[in-house]
Protein backbone atom coordinates (compact mmCIF):
# COMPACT_ATOMS: atom_id res chain seq x y z
CA MET A 1 -13.70 7.18 -20.80
CA LYS A 2 -10.09 6.95 -21.95
CA THR A 3 -7.50 7.07 -19.22
CA SER A 4 -3.80 7.85 -19.47
CA GLY A 5 -1.05 5.49 -18.40
CA VAL A 6 -1.72 3.06 -15.58
CA VAL A 7 -4.71 3.50 -13.26
CA VAL A 8 -3.43 3.62 -9.68
CA LEU A 9 -5.28 3.95 -6.39
CA VAL A 10 -3.11 5.17 -3.52
CA VAL A 11 -4.67 4.54 -0.10
CA ASP A 12 -3.73 7.12 2.52
CA ALA A 13 -2.57 9.75 0.08
CA VAL A 14 -2.44 12.27 2.93
CA SER A 15 0.82 11.14 4.52
CA GLY A 16 4.01 12.74 3.28
CA SER A 17 5.28 9.77 1.28
CA GLY A 18 1.79 8.89 0.03
CA ARG A 19 1.20 12.38 -1.34
CA LEU A 20 4.65 12.50 -2.95
CA VAL A 21 4.09 9.12 -4.63
CA CYS A 22 0.77 10.38 -6.01
CA GLU A 23 2.50 13.44 -7.42
CA LYS A 24 5.30 11.36 -8.95
CA LEU A 25 2.84 8.99 -10.61
CA ALA A 26 0.68 11.83 -11.92
CA ALA A 27 3.76 13.63 -13.28
CA ALA A 28 4.71 10.43 -15.12
CA GLY A 29 1.36 10.53 -16.95
CA HIS A 30 -0.61 7.94 -14.97
CA THR A 31 -4.20 8.20 -13.77
CA VAL A 32 -4.00 8.60 -10.01
CA PHE A 33 -6.73 8.37 -7.39
CA GLY A 34 -5.68 9.54 -3.93
CA GLY A 35 -7.72 7.98 -1.14
CA TYR A 36 -8.25 9.93 2.06
CA GLU A 37 -10.52 9.99 5.09
CA GLN A 38 -12.90 12.93 5.44
CA PRO A 39 -12.52 15.89 5.53
CA VAL A 40 -10.41 16.79 2.49
CA PRO A 41 -6.87 17.46 3.76
CA GLU A 42 -5.23 20.73 2.78
CA CYS A 43 -2.31 18.93 1.13
CA LEU A 44 -4.66 17.35 -1.45
CA LYS A 45 -6.89 20.36 -2.12
CA TYR A 46 -4.47 21.92 -4.57
CA ALA A 47 -2.63 18.82 -5.79
CA THR A 48 -2.55 18.61 -9.58
CA GLY A 49 -3.19 15.46 -11.59
CA ILE A 50 -4.68 13.61 -8.61
CA THR A 51 -8.36 12.69 -8.29
CA ARG A 52 -9.34 13.04 -4.64
CA LEU A 53 -11.38 10.11 -3.41
CA PRO A 54 -12.97 9.67 0.05
CA LEU A 55 -11.91 6.25 1.33
CA ASP A 56 -12.22 4.82 4.83
CA VAL A 57 -11.11 1.18 4.86
CA SER A 58 -13.02 0.67 8.13
CA CYS A 59 -16.32 1.22 6.33
CA ASP A 60 -17.88 -1.22 3.82
CA ASN A 61 -19.85 1.49 2.02
CA SER A 62 -16.87 3.83 1.72
CA VAL A 63 -14.70 1.13 0.14
CA ALA A 64 -17.48 -0.01 -2.21
CA ASP A 65 -18.24 3.56 -3.32
CA ALA A 66 -14.57 4.30 -4.00
CA ILE A 67 -13.99 1.18 -6.10
CA THR A 68 -17.24 1.68 -8.01
CA HIS A 69 -16.28 5.30 -8.77
CA ILE A 70 -12.90 4.25 -10.19
CA THR A 71 -14.32 1.45 -12.35
CA LYS A 72 -17.07 3.71 -13.71
CA THR A 73 -14.69 6.53 -14.62
CA SER A 74 -11.60 4.57 -15.66
CA GLN A 75 -13.01 1.11 -16.52
CA ARG A 76 -10.18 -0.61 -14.67
CA ILE A 77 -7.88 -0.60 -11.65
CA ASP A 78 -4.32 -1.58 -12.52
CA ILE A 79 -2.47 -1.09 -9.24
CA VAL A 80 -3.54 -0.46 -5.66
CA VAL A 81 -0.93 1.05 -3.35
CA ASN A 82 -1.89 0.50 0.29
CA ASN A 83 0.05 3.07 2.29
CA LEU A 84 -1.69 2.49 5.62
CA ARG A 85 1.26 2.49 8.03
CA ALA A 86 0.01 4.00 11.27
CA PRO A 87 2.28 2.90 14.15
CA ILE A 88 1.11 1.79 17.58
CA PHE A 89 3.72 1.73 20.31
CA GLY A 90 3.74 0.60 23.93
CA ALA A 91 4.02 -2.54 26.00
CA ILE A 92 1.27 -5.05 25.17
CA GLU A 93 -0.41 -4.67 28.57
CA ALA A 94 -0.12 -0.88 28.42
CA VAL A 95 -2.13 -0.52 25.21
CA HIS A 96 -5.86 -0.45 25.96
CA ILE A 97 -7.65 -3.38 24.32
CA GLY A 98 -10.16 -0.99 22.78
CA ILE A 99 -7.34 0.89 21.06
CA ALA A 100 -5.82 -2.40 19.89
CA GLU A 101 -9.19 -3.50 18.46
CA GLN A 102 -9.51 -0.24 16.51
CA TYR A 103 -5.98 -0.65 15.20
CA ILE A 104 -6.56 -4.24 14.08
CA ASN A 105 -9.90 -3.34 12.48
CA LYS A 106 -8.30 -0.63 10.39
CA MET A 107 -4.90 -2.08 9.55
CA LEU A 108 -5.75 -5.77 9.14
CA ILE A 109 -9.51 -6.08 8.61
CA GLY A 110 -9.56 -2.80 6.69
CA THR A 111 -6.83 -4.03 4.36
CA ALA A 112 -8.75 -7.27 3.79
CA ARG A 113 -11.93 -5.27 3.12
CA LEU A 114 -10.12 -3.16 0.52
CA GLN A 115 -8.47 -6.15 -1.14
CA ASN A 116 -11.71 -8.10 -1.35
CA ALA A 117 -13.41 -5.18 -3.11
CA VAL A 118 -10.55 -4.73 -5.59
CA LEU A 119 -9.95 -8.40 -6.37
CA SER A 120 -13.27 -8.86 -8.19
CA VAL A 121 -12.24 -6.10 -10.59
CA MET A 122 -8.72 -7.43 -11.09
CA ARG A 123 -9.91 -11.00 -11.59
CA ALA A 124 -12.19 -9.78 -14.37
CA GLN A 125 -9.33 -7.84 -15.95
CA GLY A 126 -7.04 -10.85 -15.81
CA TYR A 127 -4.28 -8.89 -14.10
CA GLY A 128 -3.51 -6.46 -11.31
CA ARG A 129 -1.18 -5.63 -8.47
CA ILE A 130 -1.93 -4.80 -4.84
CA ILE A 131 1.10 -3.49 -2.98
CA ASN A 132 0.94 -3.23 0.80
CA PHE A 133 3.64 -1.00 2.27
CA ASN A 134 4.42 -1.18 5.97
CA SER A 135 7.21 -0.08 8.29
CA SER A 136 7.46 -3.16 10.48
CA ASN A 137 9.26 -6.43 9.91
CA PRO A 138 7.80 -9.38 11.87
CA ASN A 139 11.06 -11.29 11.45
CA ILE A 140 12.83 -8.82 13.75
CA ASP A 141 11.94 -8.78 17.43
CA SER A 142 10.97 -5.28 18.46
CA SER A 143 9.98 -4.36 21.98
CA PHE A 144 7.04 -2.01 22.52
CA SER A 145 5.58 -2.55 19.03
CA GLY A 146 3.97 -5.95 19.59
CA TRP A 147 0.55 -5.00 18.21
CA GLN A 148 2.02 -3.51 15.05
CA THR A 149 4.34 -6.48 14.50
CA ALA A 150 1.44 -8.91 15.04
CA VAL A 151 -0.74 -7.16 12.47
CA VAL A 152 2.03 -7.09 9.87
CA ALA A 153 2.76 -10.79 10.44
CA ALA A 154 -0.94 -11.67 10.15
CA LEU A 155 -1.28 -9.63 6.96
CA GLY A 156 1.72 -11.39 5.45
CA LYS A 157 0.38 -14.85 6.24
CA MET A 158 -3.09 -13.94 4.99
CA ASN A 159 -1.71 -12.73 1.68
CA GLN A 160 0.36 -15.87 1.24
CA SER A 161 -2.92 -17.75 1.28
CA VAL A 162 -4.64 -15.24 -1.01
CA ASN A 163 -1.80 -15.39 -3.55
CA ALA A 164 -2.14 -19.18 -3.65
CA GLU A 165 -5.85 -18.73 -4.36
CA LEU A 166 -5.02 -16.18 -7.09
CA SER A 167 -2.59 -18.50 -8.88
CA GLY A 168 -3.15 -18.30 -12.63
CA THR A 169 -5.37 -15.21 -12.49
CA GLY A 170 -2.64 -12.67 -13.24
CA VAL A 171 -3.29 -10.91 -9.94
CA VAL A 172 -0.60 -10.67 -7.26
CA ILE A 173 -0.55 -9.17 -3.76
CA SER A 174 2.81 -8.16 -2.32
CA ASP A 175 3.91 -6.89 1.09
CA LYS A 176 6.80 -4.46 1.04
CA LYS A 177 8.77 -3.33 4.08
CA ILE A 178 10.07 0.21 4.13
CA GLY A 179 11.34 2.25 7.03
CA LEU A 180 14.86 1.78 8.38
CA PHE A 181 17.72 1.07 6.02
CA ASN A 182 21.43 0.37 6.06
CA LYS A 183 23.25 3.62 5.29
CA GLN A 184 26.39 1.86 4.10
CA SER A 185 24.59 -0.01 1.31
CA THR A 186 21.39 2.10 1.08
CA ARG A 187 19.46 -1.17 0.74
CA PRO A 188 15.97 -1.31 2.28
CA TYR A 189 16.38 -2.43 5.87
CA ILE A 190 14.51 -5.74 6.09
CA SER A 191 16.14 -8.68 7.82
CA GLU A 192 19.79 -8.40 6.77
CA ILE A 193 20.79 -6.43 9.86
CA ASP A 194 21.28 -8.54 12.98
CA HIS A 195 18.13 -8.48 15.10
CA LYS A 196 20.22 -7.54 18.14
CA ILE A 197 20.99 -4.22 16.49
CA ALA A 198 17.30 -3.61 15.85
CA CYS A 199 16.40 -4.39 19.46
CA VAL A 200 19.35 -2.76 21.17
CA ASP A 201 18.65 -0.75 24.30
CA MET A 202 20.35 2.53 23.44
CA ASP A 203 20.59 3.52 27.11
CA ASN A 204 22.78 0.53 27.89
CA VAL A 205 25.30 0.65 25.07
CA SER A 206 28.54 2.55 25.01
CA ALA A 207 28.89 5.91 23.33
CA PHE A 208 31.05 4.21 20.70
CA ASN A 209 28.36 1.66 19.87
CA ARG A 210 25.71 4.37 19.74
CA LYS A 211 27.84 6.19 17.20
CA ILE A 212 28.26 3.02 15.11
CA LEU A 213 24.51 2.35 15.17
CA SER A 214 23.60 5.92 14.26
CA GLU A 215 25.98 5.76 11.30
CA THR A 216 24.72 2.36 10.13
CA VAL A 217 20.95 2.36 10.55
CA ALA A 218 18.62 5.29 10.06
CA ALA A 219 15.04 6.13 9.22
CA PRO A 220 14.69 7.44 5.66
CA SER A 221 13.36 10.89 4.97
CA VAL A 222 9.90 11.35 3.48
CA ASP A 223 11.49 11.92 0.07
CA GLU A 224 13.56 8.73 0.37
CA GLU A 225 10.50 6.72 1.39
CA ALA A 226 8.57 8.08 -1.58
CA ASP A 227 11.44 7.16 -3.92
CA MET A 228 11.51 3.59 -2.53
CA MET A 229 7.76 3.27 -3.01
CA TYR A 230 7.84 4.76 -6.50
CA ASP A 231 10.63 2.41 -7.64
CA THR A 232 8.65 -0.59 -6.34
CA ILE A 233 5.50 0.53 -8.15
CA MET A 234 7.43 1.08 -11.38
CA ARG A 235 8.76 -2.48 -11.30
CA ASP A 236 5.24 -3.87 -10.98
CA MET A 237 4.04 -1.71 -13.86
CA THR A 238 5.99 -3.86 -16.31
CA HIS A 239 3.57 -6.74 -15.73
CA VAL A 240 0.58 -4.42 -15.89
CA ALA A 241 1.68 -2.93 -19.21
CA GLU A 242 2.16 -6.37 -20.76
CA ARG A 243 -1.30 -7.54 -19.73
CA ARG A 244 -2.97 -4.33 -20.89
CA MET A 245 -1.54 -4.72 -24.38
CA GLN A 246 -3.34 -8.06 -24.77
CA GLY A 247 -6.73 -6.33 -24.68
CA ASN A 248 -10.08 -7.82 -23.68
CA CYS A 249 -13.41 -6.72 -22.29
CA ARG A 250 -15.50 -8.28 -19.55
CA HIS A 251 -18.51 -7.30 -17.50
CA ILE A 252 -18.47 -7.61 -13.75
CA LYS A 253 -21.11 -7.00 -11.12
CA MET A 254 -20.54 -4.05 -8.83
CA PRO A 255 -22.81 -2.22 -6.40
CA GLY A 256 -25.21 -0.21 -8.55
CA GLY A 257 -25.06 -2.48 -11.60
CA ALA A 258 -22.71 -4.16 -14.06
CA ILE A 259 -19.51 -2.37 -15.04
CA CYS A 260 -17.65 -2.90 -18.30
CA VAL A 261 -13.99 -3.48 -17.51
CA CYS A 262 -11.85 -2.81 -20.57
CA VAL A 263 -8.26 -3.93 -20.81
CA GLY A 264 -5.92 -2.79 -23.56
CA GLU A 265 -4.79 0.27 -25.41
CA ASN A 266 -7.66 -0.02 -27.89
CA ASP A 267 -10.51 -0.03 -25.39
CA ALA A 268 -13.89 -0.13 -27.05
CA CYS A 269 -15.99 1.09 -24.12
């Protein structure tokens, strides 16, 4: 089956920015799979150019079925956009351990489960990009978001190790922070802003300082988040396009049998 443009899987295509990114990619002529947890959300029922795909990263079978479906229909997976960014707020001792376990299983273990399933395909292709978007920066102290910050930090360290293991394969995993940004420069808000500003207790600062902070740091709109994500994906597509032009064909083992993974504009399969 011939596919158009780059084959992209967007995980959590239900959220506002995730759905908008899917629509932007589809409008640009790419083959887009939008992952969602059952049942089918209304926002995806009538979306054009997007293949709806049930995907629960907490379930081995769901992840395996989704990846197998994409490789059978498109013969490759060029880019995976992991948009799982569910927040968890509250003092560490106030968050029930059971809730924390569920959060870690989905956000950290679930991400690892997804990546492990995708990496076998990308290794066979000889290229690929996995982009993890999250709204927390572990380099900035943030009260009442300890579980979220811990998961993001663990994911970053894990992927440092995975990228070392992937050296020379053409596959790269990246972690991108989106969320707050500096209004004055419109740069993504990562670690440039002093951590004291990020942690400031708004109830204990003067009205003047509150005004300064509100004019300097803000949460982006859904449209702005989608634009940030889209621009990041577009930059990674340069590498993908170069590798695809080389062209090759390999067989890999997937649940249900071997799949022919074709790379290049002149795919034979």
